[in-house]
Amino acid sequence: MQRTTGLTARQNAYDRLRDLVLTDPSVQGTFLNEVDLVERFGLSRTPIREALIMLASDGLVELITHRGAYVRPSDDRSIRETMEMRTLIELEAARQILASGRAPVRVMSDLLEEQARLDVSPETLPDFISIDQKFHAAMVDAPGNRVMSDFYTRLRVMHVRFGISATWTSPRRPAEVLEEHTRILDALKAGDADAAEAAIRHHIERTQCLLLDDVR
């Protein structure tokens, strides 16, 4: 089999493996084997190995000698800590944009409409989560605080993984997400800081509860 090599192959391997780890709940708690991945993706062993090292650096897998790359399941602590930081950042972003009158209402409205039009299925679930991330990132990026945005971006890897898991856990979750996003957006449109805080807290707490129920 002709296999791609070099930097392009490494990036290709990284992108595909990262997508696998983030979007397929069935790989959590399993080992990813280099030989199996070579055959699965049609890439040579070197870029696969390099991609696994990159994923380990991201905290998405743990490299264990003679075993492979272990995809550690989400645990109670990682869920709580990630959601706690997400709540702090989103509440601060909402406070700043409401105080300055710079709420990105049009962008968030367009994303919400796009998300609502999506026919959610196992195949389109990553797209649903991707739009979800853009919706929240639009709010966090709006104050123009680069440090806050950069930190939120680093959290986004876990957001995606948690979002996929929560939606798989509850088939009703996509419809609930749309309702919760609508409440957040309505509060921002109205300039109601208390309502925005309540809506953001409810949205994140609901996701956290689903995730914690799943790992217990």
C-alpha atoms as a PDB file:
ATOM      1  CA  MET A   1       0.000   0.000   0.000  1.00  0.00           C
ATOM      2  CA  GLN A   2       1.294   3.486  -0.870  1.00  0.00           C
ATOM      3  CA  ARG A   3       1.533   5.505   2.317  1.00  0.00           C
ATOM      4  CA  THR A   4       1.909   9.247   2.777  1.00  0.00           C
ATOM      5  CA  THR A   5       4.980  10.344   4.730  1.00  0.00           C
ATOM      6  CA  GLY A   6       6.510  13.545   6.114  1.00  0.00           C
ATOM      7  CA  LEU A   7       4.950  16.539   7.850  1.00  0.00           C
ATOM      8  CA  THR A   8       1.713  16.228   5.902  1.00  0.00           C
ATOM      9  CA  ALA A   9       1.353  12.610   7.006  1.00  0.00           C
ATOM     10  CA  ARG A  10       1.999  13.529  10.636  1.00  0.00           C
ATOM     11  CA  GLN A  11      -0.617  16.292  10.586  1.00  0.00           C
ATOM     12  CA  ASN A  12      -3.036  14.006   8.773  1.00  0.00           C
ATOM     13  CA  ALA A  13      -2.489  11.290  11.359  1.00  0.00           C
ATOM     14  CA  TYR A  14      -2.867  13.768  14.220  1.00  0.00           C
ATOM     15  CA  ASP A  15      -6.095  15.230  12.843  1.00  0.00           C
ATOM     16  CA  ARG A  16      -7.655  11.815  12.264  1.00  0.00           C
ATOM     17  CA  LEU A  17      -6.582  10.332  15.578  1.00  0.00           C
ATOM     18  CA  ARG A  18      -7.680  13.434  17.479  1.00  0.00           C
ATOM     19  CA  ASP A  19     -11.066  13.227  15.764  1.00  0.00           C
ATOM     20  CA  LEU A  20     -11.311   9.542  16.714  1.00  0.00           C
ATOM     21  CA  VAL A  21     -10.515  10.180  20.375  1.00  0.00           C
ATOM     22  CA  LEU A  22     -12.815  13.193  20.649  1.00  0.00           C
ATOM     23  CA  THR A  23     -15.850  11.918  18.749  1.00  0.00           C
ATOM     24  CA  ASP A  24     -16.008   8.168  19.369  1.00  0.00           C
ATOM     25  CA  PRO A  25     -17.024   7.349  22.962  1.00  0.00           C
ATOM     26  CA  SER A  26     -16.295   3.654  22.336  1.00  0.00           C
ATOM     27  CA  VAL A  27     -12.521   4.255  22.386  1.00  0.00           C
ATOM     28  CA  GLN A  28     -12.572   5.604  25.948  1.00  0.00           C
ATOM     29  CA  GLY A  29     -10.958   3.086  28.283  1.00  0.00           C
ATOM     30  CA  THR A  30      -9.185   1.280  25.406  1.00  0.00           C
ATOM     31  CA  PHE A  31      -5.661   1.125  23.977  1.00  0.00           C
ATOM     32  CA  LEU A  32      -4.871   2.458  20.497  1.00  0.00           C
ATOM     33  CA  ASN A  33      -2.372   0.136  18.830  1.00  0.00           C
ATOM     34  CA  GLU A  34       0.088   1.508  16.237  1.00  0.00           C
ATOM     35  CA  VAL A  35      -0.202  -1.516  13.931  1.00  0.00           C
ATOM     36  CA  ASP A  36      -3.996  -1.365  13.916  1.00  0.00           C
ATOM     37  CA  LEU A  37      -3.941   2.398  13.290  1.00  0.00           C
ATOM     38  CA  VAL A  38      -1.515   2.001  10.373  1.00  0.00           C
ATOM     39  CA  GLU A  39      -3.941  -0.353   8.665  1.00  0.00           C
ATOM     40  CA  ARG A  40      -6.992   1.674   9.572  1.00  0.00           C
ATOM     41  CA  PHE A  41      -5.729   5.006   8.241  1.00  0.00           C
ATOM     42  CA  GLY A  42      -3.339   3.841   5.519  1.00  0.00           C
ATOM     43  CA  LEU A  43      -0.414   5.800   6.922  1.00  0.00           C
ATOM     44  CA  SER A  44       3.089   4.645   7.764  1.00  0.00           C
ATOM     45  CA  ARG A  45       4.059   3.885  11.338  1.00  0.00           C
ATOM     46  CA  THR A  46       6.240   6.964  11.915  1.00  0.00           C
ATOM     47  CA  PRO A  47       3.519   9.621  11.507  1.00  0.00           C
ATOM     48  CA  ILE A  48       1.143   7.481  13.562  1.00  0.00           C
ATOM     49  CA  ARG A  49       3.711   7.299  16.375  1.00  0.00           C
ATOM     50  CA  GLU A  50       4.386  11.044  16.152  1.00  0.00           C
ATOM     51  CA  ALA A  51       0.664  11.801  16.206  1.00  0.00           C
ATOM     52  CA  LEU A  52       0.199   9.689  19.334  1.00  0.00           C
ATOM     53  CA  ILE A  53       2.992  11.638  21.030  1.00  0.00           C
ATOM     54  CA  MET A  54       1.207  14.871  20.106  1.00  0.00           C
ATOM     55  CA  LEU A  55      -2.062  13.527  21.504  1.00  0.00           C
ATOM     56  CA  ALA A  56      -0.270  12.589  24.719  1.00  0.00           C
ATOM     57  CA  SER A  57       1.009  16.162  24.938  1.00  0.00           C
ATOM     58  CA  ASP A  58      -2.599  17.356  24.566  1.00  0.00           C
ATOM     59  CA  GLY A  59      -3.597  15.101  27.449  1.00  0.00           C
ATOM     60  CA  LEU A  60      -5.918  13.026  25.264  1.00  0.00           C
ATOM     61  CA  VAL A  61      -4.011   9.735  25.561  1.00  0.00           C
ATOM     62  CA  GLU A  62      -1.442   8.200  27.906  1.00  0.00           C
ATOM     63  CA  LEU A  63       1.479   6.342  26.300  1.00  0.00           C
ATOM     64  CA  ILE A  64       2.172   3.068  28.114  1.00  0.00           C
ATOM     65  CA  THR A  65       5.222   1.007  27.135  1.00  0.00           C
ATOM     66  CA  HIS A  66       4.411  -2.282  25.355  1.00  0.00           C
ATOM     67  CA  ARG A  67       0.686  -1.543  25.565  1.00  0.00           C
ATOM     68  CA  GLY A  68       0.019   1.445  23.331  1.00  0.00           C
ATOM     69  CA  ALA A  69      -1.840   4.708  23.771  1.00  0.00           C
ATOM     70  CA  TYR A  70      -4.470   4.523  26.488  1.00  0.00           C
ATOM     71  CA  VAL A  71      -7.551   6.694  26.077  1.00  0.00           C
ATOM     72  CA  ARG A  72      -8.364   7.456  29.681  1.00  0.00           C
ATOM     73  CA  PRO A  73     -12.097   7.740  30.383  1.00  0.00           C
ATOM     74  CA  SER A  74     -13.419  11.008  31.739  1.00  0.00           C
ATOM     75  CA  ASP A  75     -13.508  11.008  35.520  1.00  0.00           C
ATOM     76  CA  ASP A  76     -15.360  12.947  38.177  1.00  0.00           C
ATOM     77  CA  ARG A  77     -12.473  15.310  38.907  1.00  0.00           C
ATOM     78  CA  SER A  78     -11.642  16.228  35.303  1.00  0.00           C
ATOM     79  CA  ILE A  79     -15.305  16.904  34.555  1.00  0.00           C
ATOM     80  CA  ARG A  80     -15.847  19.103  37.607  1.00  0.00           C
ATOM     81  CA  GLU A  81     -12.620  21.077  37.173  1.00  0.00           C
ATOM     82  CA  THR A  82     -13.144  21.681  33.459  1.00  0.00           C
ATOM     83  CA  MET A  83     -16.732  22.787  33.926  1.00  0.00           C
ATOM     84  CA  GLU A  84     -15.764  25.020  36.831  1.00  0.00           C
ATOM     85  CA  MET A  85     -13.238  26.884  34.678  1.00  0.00           C
ATOM     86  CA  ARG A  86     -15.651  27.042  31.774  1.00  0.00           C
ATOM     87  CA  THR A  87     -18.288  28.613  34.032  1.00  0.00           C
ATOM     88  CA  LEU A  88     -15.889  31.241  35.368  1.00  0.00           C
ATOM     89  CA  ILE A  89     -14.751  32.263  31.887  1.00  0.00           C
ATOM     90  CA  GLU A  90     -18.197  32.385  30.299  1.00  0.00           C
ATOM     91  CA  LEU A  91     -19.713  34.358  33.173  1.00  0.00           C
ATOM     92  CA  GLU A  92     -16.894  36.892  33.027  1.00  0.00           C
ATOM     93  CA  ALA A  93     -17.219  37.185  29.253  1.00  0.00           C
ATOM     94  CA  ALA A  94     -20.972  37.764  29.554  1.00  0.00           C
ATOM     95  CA  ARG A  95     -20.430  40.382  32.260  1.00  0.00           C
ATOM     96  CA  GLN A  96     -17.926  42.287  30.119  1.00  0.00           C
ATOM     97  CA  ILE A  97     -19.909  42.266  26.888  1.00  0.00           C
ATOM     98  CA  LEU A  98     -23.100  43.353  28.626  1.00  0.00           C
ATOM     99  CA  ALA A  99     -21.266  46.143  30.436  1.00  0.00           C
ATOM    100  CA  SER A 100     -19.734  47.377  27.182  1.00  0.00           C
ATOM    101  CA  GLY A 101     -22.733  46.750  24.927  1.00  0.00           C
ATOM    102  CA  ARG A 102     -20.642  44.489  22.644  1.00  0.00           C
ATOM    103  CA  ALA A 103     -22.670  41.277  22.802  1.00  0.00           C
ATOM    104  CA  PRO A 104     -22.183  39.389  19.477  1.00  0.00           C
ATOM    105  CA  VAL A 105     -25.899  38.815  19.082  1.00  0.00           C
ATOM    106  CA  ARG A 106     -25.923  38.477  15.283  1.00  0.00           C
ATOM    107  CA  VAL A 107     -23.105  35.933  15.156  1.00  0.00           C
ATOM    108  CA  MET A 108     -24.591  33.864  17.962  1.00  0.00           C
ATOM    109  CA  SER A 109     -28.059  34.032  16.383  1.00  0.00           C
ATOM    110  CA  ASP A 110     -26.716  32.764  13.060  1.00  0.00           C
ATOM    111  CA  LEU A 111     -24.913  29.892  14.770  1.00  0.00           C
ATOM    112  CA  LEU A 112     -28.007  28.966  16.759  1.00  0.00           C
ATOM    113  CA  GLU A 113     -30.077  28.899  13.569  1.00  0.00           C
ATOM    114  CA  GLU A 114     -27.455  26.723  11.877  1.00  0.00           C
ATOM    115  CA  GLN A 115     -27.448  24.346  14.832  1.00  0.00           C
ATOM    116  CA  ALA A 116     -31.254  24.151  14.849  1.00  0.00           C
ATOM    117  CA  ARG A 117     -31.337  23.251  11.137  1.00  0.00           C
ATOM    118  CA  LEU A 118     -28.979  20.319  11.615  1.00  0.00           C
ATOM    119  CA  ASP A 119     -30.562  16.863  11.561  1.00  0.00           C
ATOM    120  CA  VAL A 120     -28.690  15.364  14.499  1.00  0.00           C
ATOM    121  CA  SER A 121     -27.521  11.775  14.059  1.00  0.00           C
ATOM    122  CA  PRO A 122     -24.390   9.822  15.044  1.00  0.00           C
ATOM    123  CA  GLU A 123     -22.832  10.993  11.760  1.00  0.00           C
ATOM    124  CA  THR A 124     -23.668  14.691  12.233  1.00  0.00           C
ATOM    125  CA  LEU A 125     -23.092  14.829  15.991  1.00  0.00           C
ATOM    126  CA  PRO A 126     -19.523  16.198  15.595  1.00  0.00           C
ATOM    127  CA  ASP A 127     -20.965  19.019  13.456  1.00  0.00           C
ATOM    128  CA  PHE A 128     -23.532  19.795  16.149  1.00  0.00           C
ATOM    129  CA  ILE A 129     -20.791  19.961  18.776  1.00  0.00           C
ATOM    130  CA  SER A 130     -18.594  22.087  16.504  1.00  0.00           C
ATOM    131  CA  ILE A 131     -21.356  24.683  16.110  1.00  0.00           C
ATOM    132  CA  ASP A 132     -21.940  24.513  19.859  1.00  0.00           C
ATOM    133  CA  GLN A 133     -18.303  25.395  20.467  1.00  0.00           C
ATOM    134  CA  LYS A 134     -18.444  28.305  18.028  1.00  0.00           C
ATOM    135  CA  PHE A 135     -21.564  29.646  19.776  1.00  0.00           C
ATOM    136  CA  HIS A 136     -19.808  29.795  23.135  1.00  0.00           C
ATOM    137  CA  ALA A 137     -16.485  30.950  21.689  1.00  0.00           C
ATOM    138  CA  ALA A 138     -18.221  33.907  20.021  1.00  0.00           C
ATOM    139  CA  MET A 139     -19.296  35.108  23.456  1.00  0.00           C
ATOM    140  CA  VAL A 140     -15.909  34.478  25.069  1.00  0.00           C
ATOM    141  CA  ASP A 141     -13.976  36.157  22.241  1.00  0.00           C
ATOM    142  CA  ALA A 142     -16.203  39.244  22.113  1.00  0.00           C
ATOM    143  CA  PRO A 143     -14.549  41.168  25.005  1.00  0.00           C
ATOM    144  CA  GLY A 144     -11.239  41.065  23.115  1.00  0.00           C
ATOM    145  CA  ASN A 145      -9.277  39.604  26.043  1.00  0.00           C
ATOM    146  CA  ARG A 146      -6.690  37.426  24.304  1.00  0.00           C
ATOM    147  CA  VAL A 147      -5.541  35.670  27.478  1.00  0.00           C
ATOM    148  CA  MET A 148      -9.098  34.655  28.314  1.00  0.00           C
ATOM    149  CA  SER A 149      -9.753  33.502  24.751  1.00  0.00           C
ATOM    150  CA  ASP A 150      -6.513  31.512  24.594  1.00  0.00           C
ATOM    151  CA  PHE A 151      -7.237  29.758  27.871  1.00  0.00           C
ATOM    152  CA  TYR A 152     -10.767  28.958  26.736  1.00  0.00           C
ATOM    153  CA  THR A 153      -9.385  27.521  23.495  1.00  0.00           C
ATOM    154  CA  ARG A 154      -7.162  25.167  25.486  1.00  0.00           C
ATOM    155  CA  LEU A 155     -10.201  23.992  27.420  1.00  0.00           C
ATOM    156  CA  ARG A 156     -12.090  23.429  24.169  1.00  0.00           C
ATOM    157  CA  VAL A 157     -10.486  20.025  23.563  1.00  0.00           C
ATOM    158  CA  MET A 158     -12.159  18.707  26.690  1.00  0.00           C
ATOM    159  CA  HIS A 159     -15.358  20.604  25.863  1.00  0.00           C
ATOM    160  CA  VAL A 160     -15.676  18.693  22.591  1.00  0.00           C
ATOM    161  CA  ARG A 161     -15.058  15.341  24.236  1.00  0.00           C
ATOM    162  CA  PHE A 162     -17.524  16.104  27.031  1.00  0.00           C
ATOM    163  CA  GLY A 163     -20.092  17.448  24.585  1.00  0.00           C
ATOM    164  CA  ILE A 164     -20.023  14.277  22.524  1.00  0.00           C
ATOM    165  CA  SER A 165     -20.296  12.129  25.648  1.00  0.00           C
ATOM    166  CA  ALA A 166     -23.188  14.125  27.088  1.00  0.00           C
ATOM    167  CA  THR A 167     -25.149  13.951  23.833  1.00  0.00           C
ATOM    168  CA  TRP A 168     -24.602  10.211  23.538  1.00  0.00           C
ATOM    169  CA  THR A 169     -25.726   9.805  27.154  1.00  0.00           C
ATOM    170  CA  SER A 170     -29.029  11.593  26.550  1.00  0.00           C
ATOM    171  CA  PRO A 171     -30.771  11.457  23.145  1.00  0.00           C
ATOM    172  CA  ARG A 172     -32.824  14.471  24.242  1.00  0.00           C
ATOM    173  CA  ARG A 173     -29.723  16.556  24.827  1.00  0.00           C
ATOM    174  CA  PRO A 174     -29.561  18.259  21.377  1.00  0.00           C
ATOM    175  CA  ALA A 175     -33.072  19.692  21.821  1.00  0.00           C
ATOM    176  CA  GLU A 176     -32.225  20.766  25.370  1.00  0.00           C
ATOM    177  CA  VAL A 177     -29.034  22.457  24.165  1.00  0.00           C
ATOM    178  CA  LEU A 178     -30.995  24.489  21.634  1.00  0.00           C
ATOM    179  CA  GLU A 179     -33.408  25.632  24.355  1.00  0.00           C
ATOM    180  CA  GLU A 180     -30.548  26.520  26.706  1.00  0.00           C
ATOM    181  CA  HIS A 181     -28.671  28.403  23.985  1.00  0.00           C
ATOM    182  CA  THR A 182     -31.849  30.325  23.203  1.00  0.00           C
ATOM    183  CA  ARG A 183     -32.133  31.404  26.859  1.00  0.00           C
ATOM    184  CA  ILE A 184     -28.536  32.607  26.873  1.00  0.00           C
ATOM    185  CA  LEU A 185     -29.012  34.539  23.643  1.00  0.00           C
ATOM    186  CA  ASP A 186     -32.323  36.072  24.742  1.00  0.00           C
ATOM    187  CA  ALA A 187     -30.691  37.312  27.947  1.00  0.00           C
ATOM    188  CA  LEU A 188     -27.826  38.889  26.015  1.00  0.00           C
ATOM    189  CA  LYS A 189     -30.255  40.528  23.595  1.00  0.00           C
ATOM    190  CA  ALA A 190     -32.199  41.969  26.526  1.00  0.00           C
ATOM    191  CA  GLY A 191     -29.038  43.131  28.270  1.00  0.00           C
ATOM    192  CA  ASP A 192     -30.154  41.224  31.366  1.00  0.00           C
ATOM    193  CA  ALA A 193     -27.009  40.267  33.306  1.00  0.00           C
ATOM    194  CA  ASP A 194     -28.852  38.229  35.954  1.00  0.00           C
ATOM    195  CA  ALA A 195     -30.754  36.220  33.350  1.00  0.00           C
ATOM    196  CA  ALA A 196     -27.578  35.640  31.343  1.00  0.00           C
ATOM    197  CA  GLU A 197     -25.743  34.345  34.420  1.00  0.00           C
ATOM    198  CA  ALA A 198     -28.634  32.044  35.321  1.00  0.00           C
ATOM    199  CA  ALA A 199     -28.870  30.702  31.764  1.00  0.00           C
ATOM    200  CA  ILE A 200     -25.135  30.064  31.474  1.00  0.00           C
ATOM    201  CA  ARG A 201     -24.986  28.342  34.870  1.00  0.00           C
ATOM    202  CA  HIS A 202     -27.993  26.150  34.058  1.00  0.00           C
ATOM    203  CA  HIS A 203     -26.552  25.145  30.688  1.00  0.00           C
ATOM    204  CA  ILE A 204     -23.161  24.119  32.082  1.00  0.00           C
ATOM    205  CA  GLU A 205     -24.579  22.487  35.214  1.00  0.00           C
ATOM    206  CA  ARG A 206     -26.966  20.389  33.113  1.00  0.00           C
ATOM    207  CA  THR A 207     -24.081  19.155  30.979  1.00  0.00           C
ATOM    208  CA  GLN A 208     -22.007  18.414  34.058  1.00  0.00           C
ATOM    209  CA  CYS A 209     -24.816  16.410  35.669  1.00  0.00           C
ATOM    210  CA  LEU A 210     -25.179  14.216  32.580  1.00  0.00           C
ATOM    211  CA  LEU A 211     -21.445  13.599  32.453  1.00  0.00           C
ATOM    212  CA  LEU A 212     -21.151  12.776  36.156  1.00  0.00           C
ATOM    213  CA  ASP A 213     -24.094  10.370  35.942  1.00  0.00           C
ATOM    214  CA  ASP A 214     -22.328   8.635  33.049  1.00  0.00           C
ATOM    215  CA  VAL A 215     -19.029   8.080  34.902  1.00  0.00           C
ATOM    216  CA  ARG A 216     -20.578   6.817  38.151  1.00  0.00           C
END
